[in-house]
Amino acid sequence: MTKKPGKSTTKTRKPRKSRHTVLADGPRPVDVHVGHRLRLRRMLLGISQEKLGEAVDLTFQQIQKYERGANRVGASRLFEFSRILDVPIEFFFDEMPKAEKVGKGENRNAGMSDTAQAEIKNNPMARRETLELVRAYYKIPDEDVRKRLYELIRSIGGTGK
């Protein structure tokens, strides 16, 4: 085989970008946020992970992974969750911290920032206690009692009129 002038016999390849892996890079911020919103809505409705899993033909462990952001929720699955949990798809992206909104040229493989993690951890609306309190509040059948309880809590918390 003779070599033709000007042609190389070896091909030069572009370096491949490394793939994002949860184990190496941690979950992506948007996946963590969607998972937290999934958990929030599930808990507000009082649905267990098992019941939600049954509704979409998954195990409760798979639901846990979605809620932690360890697994990414695909579009069709997100659509199923939105129908079962009776929310628009946008609900899962509402209130996304700026740290999670990644644009062109920014590091898309970074895990959730410490600031974003602290925001979620310190957010009283994401706590189980808050969700259970809201659920119990709306189980009070008498509207007048609910209103008086609301006013009592506001006055104790220092946010009364």
C-alpha atoms as a PDB file:
ATOM      1  CA  MET A   1       0.000   0.000   0.000  1.00  0.00           C
ATOM      2  CA  THR A   2       1.482   3.292  -1.021  1.00  0.00           C
ATOM      3  CA  LYS A   3       0.891   6.478   0.854  1.00  0.00           C
ATOM      4  CA  LYS A   4      -0.634   9.337  -1.122  1.00  0.00           C
ATOM      5  CA  PRO A   5       0.944  12.715  -0.559  1.00  0.00           C
ATOM      6  CA  GLY A   6      -1.022  15.156   1.600  1.00  0.00           C
ATOM      7  CA  LYS A   7      -3.333  12.491   3.117  1.00  0.00           C
ATOM      8  CA  SER A   8      -2.908  11.082   6.566  1.00  0.00           C
ATOM      9  CA  THR A   9      -3.717   7.467   7.331  1.00  0.00           C
ATOM     10  CA  THR A  10      -4.707   8.206  10.915  1.00  0.00           C
ATOM     11  CA  LYS A  11      -7.899  10.046  11.732  1.00  0.00           C
ATOM     12  CA  THR A  12      -7.817  12.761  14.315  1.00  0.00           C
ATOM     13  CA  ARG A  13     -10.749  12.662  16.696  1.00  0.00           C
ATOM     14  CA  LYS A  14     -12.200  15.482  18.640  1.00  0.00           C
ATOM     15  CA  PRO A  15     -11.865  14.962  22.358  1.00  0.00           C
ATOM     16  CA  ARG A  16     -15.113  13.631  23.799  1.00  0.00           C
ATOM     17  CA  LYS A  17     -16.846  15.548  26.509  1.00  0.00           C
ATOM     18  CA  SER A  18     -17.155  13.455  29.615  1.00  0.00           C
ATOM     19  CA  ARG A  19     -20.704  12.462  30.458  1.00  0.00           C
ATOM     20  CA  HIS A  20     -22.330  13.722  33.594  1.00  0.00           C
ATOM     21  CA  THR A  21     -22.715  10.993  36.178  1.00  0.00           C
ATOM     22  CA  VAL A  22     -24.562  11.372  39.454  1.00  0.00           C
ATOM     23  CA  LEU A  23     -21.954   9.311  41.318  1.00  0.00           C
ATOM     24  CA  ALA A  24     -19.024  11.411  40.135  1.00  0.00           C
ATOM     25  CA  ASP A  25     -20.596  14.856  39.778  1.00  0.00           C
ATOM     26  CA  GLY A  26     -23.623  14.740  42.071  1.00  0.00           C
ATOM     27  CA  PRO A  27     -27.182  15.347  40.917  1.00  0.00           C
ATOM     28  CA  ARG A  28     -27.843  18.322  38.698  1.00  0.00           C
ATOM     29  CA  PRO A  29     -29.509  21.251  40.431  1.00  0.00           C
ATOM     30  CA  VAL A  30     -32.583  21.229  38.219  1.00  0.00           C
ATOM     31  CA  ASP A  31     -33.129  17.509  38.915  1.00  0.00           C
ATOM     32  CA  VAL A  32     -32.889  18.137  42.653  1.00  0.00           C
ATOM     33  CA  HIS A  33     -35.353  21.024  42.403  1.00  0.00           C
ATOM     34  CA  VAL A  34     -37.868  19.006  40.365  1.00  0.00           C
ATOM     35  CA  GLY A  35     -37.521  16.172  42.881  1.00  0.00           C
ATOM     36  CA  HIS A  36     -38.179  18.501  45.817  1.00  0.00           C
ATOM     37  CA  ARG A  37     -41.255  19.914  44.097  1.00  0.00           C
ATOM     38  CA  LEU A  38     -42.473  16.361  43.387  1.00  0.00           C
ATOM     39  CA  ARG A  39     -42.042  15.460  47.066  1.00  0.00           C
ATOM     40  CA  LEU A  40     -43.703  18.694  48.212  1.00  0.00           C
ATOM     41  CA  ARG A  41     -46.824  18.106  46.130  1.00  0.00           C
ATOM     42  CA  ARG A  42     -47.002  14.410  47.031  1.00  0.00           C
ATOM     43  CA  MET A  43     -46.820  15.249  50.727  1.00  0.00           C
ATOM     44  CA  LEU A  44     -49.345  18.097  50.460  1.00  0.00           C
ATOM     45  CA  LEU A  45     -51.814  15.606  49.008  1.00  0.00           C
ATOM     46  CA  GLY A  46     -50.938  13.010  51.651  1.00  0.00           C
ATOM     47  CA  ILE A  47     -49.876  10.418  49.088  1.00  0.00           C
ATOM     48  CA  SER A  48     -47.226   7.882  50.072  1.00  0.00           C
ATOM     49  CA  GLN A  49     -44.280   7.045  47.854  1.00  0.00           C
ATOM     50  CA  GLU A  50     -45.757   3.564  47.426  1.00  0.00           C
ATOM     51  CA  LYS A  51     -49.130   4.897  46.224  1.00  0.00           C
ATOM     52  CA  LEU A  52     -47.505   7.335  43.792  1.00  0.00           C
ATOM     53  CA  GLY A  53     -45.249   4.548  42.544  1.00  0.00           C
ATOM     54  CA  GLU A  54     -48.222   2.258  41.965  1.00  0.00           C
ATOM     55  CA  ALA A  55     -49.981   4.995  39.987  1.00  0.00           C
ATOM     56  CA  VAL A  56     -47.042   5.252  37.540  1.00  0.00           C
ATOM     57  CA  ASP A  57     -45.941   1.600  37.734  1.00  0.00           C
ATOM     58  CA  LEU A  58     -42.731   2.257  39.695  1.00  0.00           C
ATOM     59  CA  THR A  59     -41.350   1.096  43.025  1.00  0.00           C
ATOM     60  CA  PHE A  60     -41.215   3.445  45.983  1.00  0.00           C
ATOM     61  CA  GLN A  61     -37.410   3.296  45.733  1.00  0.00           C
ATOM     62  CA  GLN A  62     -37.608   4.770  42.228  1.00  0.00           C
ATOM     63  CA  ILE A  63     -39.852   7.551  43.545  1.00  0.00           C
ATOM     64  CA  GLN A  64     -37.246   8.205  46.279  1.00  0.00           C
ATOM     65  CA  LYS A  65     -34.530   8.533  43.641  1.00  0.00           C
ATOM     66  CA  TYR A  66     -36.628  11.017  41.676  1.00  0.00           C
ATOM     67  CA  GLU A  67     -37.312  13.024  44.841  1.00  0.00           C
ATOM     68  CA  ARG A  68     -33.595  13.177  45.722  1.00  0.00           C
ATOM     69  CA  GLY A  69     -32.650  14.130  42.174  1.00  0.00           C
ATOM     70  CA  ALA A  70     -30.546  10.985  41.808  1.00  0.00           C
ATOM     71  CA  ASN A  71     -32.646  10.020  38.762  1.00  0.00           C
ATOM     72  CA  ARG A  72     -33.742  12.517  36.159  1.00  0.00           C
ATOM     73  CA  VAL A  73     -37.484  12.709  35.509  1.00  0.00           C
ATOM     74  CA  GLY A  74     -38.175  12.308  31.805  1.00  0.00           C
ATOM     75  CA  ALA A  75     -40.779  14.357  29.970  1.00  0.00           C
ATOM     76  CA  SER A  76     -43.394  11.599  29.732  1.00  0.00           C
ATOM     77  CA  ARG A  77     -42.968  10.689  33.402  1.00  0.00           C
ATOM     78  CA  LEU A  78     -43.190  14.367  34.404  1.00  0.00           C
ATOM     79  CA  PHE A  79     -46.429  14.574  32.415  1.00  0.00           C
ATOM     80  CA  GLU A  80     -47.778  11.530  34.317  1.00  0.00           C
ATOM     81  CA  PHE A  81     -46.822  13.070  37.665  1.00  0.00           C
ATOM     82  CA  SER A  82     -48.485  16.358  36.749  1.00  0.00           C
ATOM     83  CA  ARG A  83     -51.756  14.577  35.944  1.00  0.00           C
ATOM     84  CA  ILE A  84     -51.710  12.361  39.032  1.00  0.00           C
ATOM     85  CA  LEU A  85     -50.743  15.207  41.375  1.00  0.00           C
ATOM     86  CA  ASP A  86     -53.153  17.608  39.633  1.00  0.00           C
ATOM     87  CA  VAL A  87     -50.644  20.371  38.884  1.00  0.00           C
ATOM     88  CA  PRO A  88     -49.393  21.931  35.644  1.00  0.00           C
ATOM     89  CA  ILE A  89     -45.952  20.781  34.518  1.00  0.00           C
ATOM     90  CA  GLU A  90     -44.625  24.288  35.280  1.00  0.00           C
ATOM     91  CA  PHE A  91     -45.251  23.570  38.988  1.00  0.00           C
ATOM     92  CA  PHE A  92     -42.123  21.406  39.080  1.00  0.00           C
ATOM     93  CA  PHE A  93     -39.985  24.344  37.924  1.00  0.00           C
ATOM     94  CA  ASP A  94     -41.632  27.099  39.975  1.00  0.00           C
ATOM     95  CA  GLU A  95     -39.518  28.891  42.562  1.00  0.00           C
ATOM     96  CA  MET A  96     -36.287  27.535  41.108  1.00  0.00           C
ATOM     97  CA  PRO A  97     -33.373  29.383  42.747  1.00  0.00           C
ATOM     98  CA  LYS A  98     -31.147  31.397  40.410  1.00  0.00           C
ATOM     99  CA  ALA A  99     -28.235  29.102  41.291  1.00  0.00           C
ATOM    100  CA  GLU A 100     -30.088  26.279  39.536  1.00  0.00           C
ATOM    101  CA  LYS A 101     -30.913  28.205  36.364  1.00  0.00           C
ATOM    102  CA  VAL A 102     -27.911  27.368  34.229  1.00  0.00           C
ATOM    103  CA  GLY A 103     -27.326  29.218  30.970  1.00  0.00           C
ATOM    104  CA  LYS A 104     -24.936  28.774  28.079  1.00  0.00           C
ATOM    105  CA  GLY A 105     -21.293  28.711  29.003  1.00  0.00           C
ATOM    106  CA  GLU A 106     -21.934  27.974  32.655  1.00  0.00           C
ATOM    107  CA  ASN A 107     -20.942  24.746  34.322  1.00  0.00           C
ATOM    108  CA  ARG A 108     -23.850  22.430  33.625  1.00  0.00           C
ATOM    109  CA  ASN A 109     -22.257  19.501  35.456  1.00  0.00           C
ATOM    110  CA  ALA A 110     -21.941  21.135  38.829  1.00  0.00           C
ATOM    111  CA  GLY A 111     -23.878  19.614  41.692  1.00  0.00           C
ATOM    112  CA  MET A 112     -26.228  21.693  43.755  1.00  0.00           C
ATOM    113  CA  SER A 113     -24.447  24.651  45.290  1.00  0.00           C
ATOM    114  CA  ASP A 114     -24.107  24.946  49.055  1.00  0.00           C
ATOM    115  CA  THR A 115     -26.247  28.076  48.962  1.00  0.00           C
ATOM    116  CA  ALA A 116     -29.055  26.323  47.081  1.00  0.00           C
ATOM    117  CA  GLN A 117     -28.889  23.355  49.483  1.00  0.00           C
ATOM    118  CA  ALA A 118     -29.092  25.692  52.476  1.00  0.00           C
ATOM    119  CA  GLU A 119     -32.070  27.502  50.894  1.00  0.00           C
ATOM    120  CA  ILE A 120     -34.004  24.252  50.645  1.00  0.00           C
ATOM    121  CA  LYS A 121     -32.939  23.003  54.070  1.00  0.00           C
ATOM    122  CA  ASN A 122     -33.938  26.277  55.763  1.00  0.00           C
ATOM    123  CA  ASN A 123     -37.170  26.734  53.820  1.00  0.00           C
ATOM    124  CA  PRO A 124     -40.022  26.145  56.293  1.00  0.00           C
ATOM    125  CA  MET A 125     -42.369  25.336  53.407  1.00  0.00           C
ATOM    126  CA  ALA A 126     -40.297  22.243  52.574  1.00  0.00           C
ATOM    127  CA  ARG A 127     -40.478  20.776  56.097  1.00  0.00           C
ATOM    128  CA  ARG A 128     -42.700  17.811  56.919  1.00  0.00           C
ATOM    129  CA  GLU A 129     -44.002  19.629  60.005  1.00  0.00           C
ATOM    130  CA  THR A 130     -45.328  22.497  57.872  1.00  0.00           C
ATOM    131  CA  LEU A 131     -47.004  20.167  55.414  1.00  0.00           C
ATOM    132  CA  GLU A 132     -48.659  18.160  58.186  1.00  0.00           C
ATOM    133  CA  LEU A 133     -49.823  21.368  59.883  1.00  0.00           C
ATOM    134  CA  VAL A 134     -51.416  22.648  56.670  1.00  0.00           C
ATOM    135  CA  ARG A 135     -53.068  19.285  56.040  1.00  0.00           C
ATOM    136  CA  ALA A 136     -54.451  19.181  59.613  1.00  0.00           C
ATOM    137  CA  TYR A 137     -55.642  22.793  59.346  1.00  0.00           C
ATOM    138  CA  TYR A 138     -57.720  22.048  56.256  1.00  0.00           C
ATOM    139  CA  LYS A 139     -59.228  18.959  57.890  1.00  0.00           C
ATOM    140  CA  ILE A 140     -60.975  21.220  60.428  1.00  0.00           C
ATOM    141  CA  PRO A 141     -64.556  21.105  59.140  1.00  0.00           C
ATOM    142  CA  ASP A 142     -65.808  24.303  60.781  1.00  0.00           C
ATOM    143  CA  GLU A 143     -64.722  27.362  58.787  1.00  0.00           C
ATOM    144  CA  ASP A 144     -65.171  29.698  61.786  1.00  0.00           C
ATOM    145  CA  VAL A 145     -62.892  27.530  63.946  1.00  0.00           C
ATOM    146  CA  ARG A 146     -60.279  27.505  61.179  1.00  0.00           C
ATOM    147  CA  LYS A 147     -60.455  31.294  60.924  1.00  0.00           C
ATOM    148  CA  ARG A 148     -60.079  31.745  64.719  1.00  0.00           C
ATOM    149  CA  LEU A 149     -57.161  29.314  64.793  1.00  0.00           C
ATOM    150  CA  TYR A 150     -55.522  31.206  61.947  1.00  0.00           C
ATOM    151  CA  GLU A 151     -55.912  34.502  63.806  1.00  0.00           C
ATOM    152  CA  LEU A 152     -54.546  32.933  67.022  1.00  0.00           C
ATOM    153  CA  ILE A 153     -51.452  31.637  65.242  1.00  0.00           C
ATOM    154  CA  ARG A 154     -50.858  35.015  63.586  1.00  0.00           C
ATOM    155  CA  SER A 155     -51.093  36.812  66.932  1.00  0.00           C
ATOM    156  CA  ILE A 156     -48.748  34.345  68.658  1.00  0.00           C
ATOM    157  CA  GLY A 157     -46.277  34.601  65.763  1.00  0.00           C
ATOM    158  CA  GLY A 158     -46.328  38.399  65.927  1.00  0.00           C
ATOM    159  CA  THR A 159     -47.798  38.850  62.462  1.00  0.00           C
ATOM    160  CA  GLY A 160     -51.292  39.787  63.644  1.00  0.00           C
ATOM    161  CA  LYS A 161     -53.072  42.990  62.681  1.00  0.00           C
END
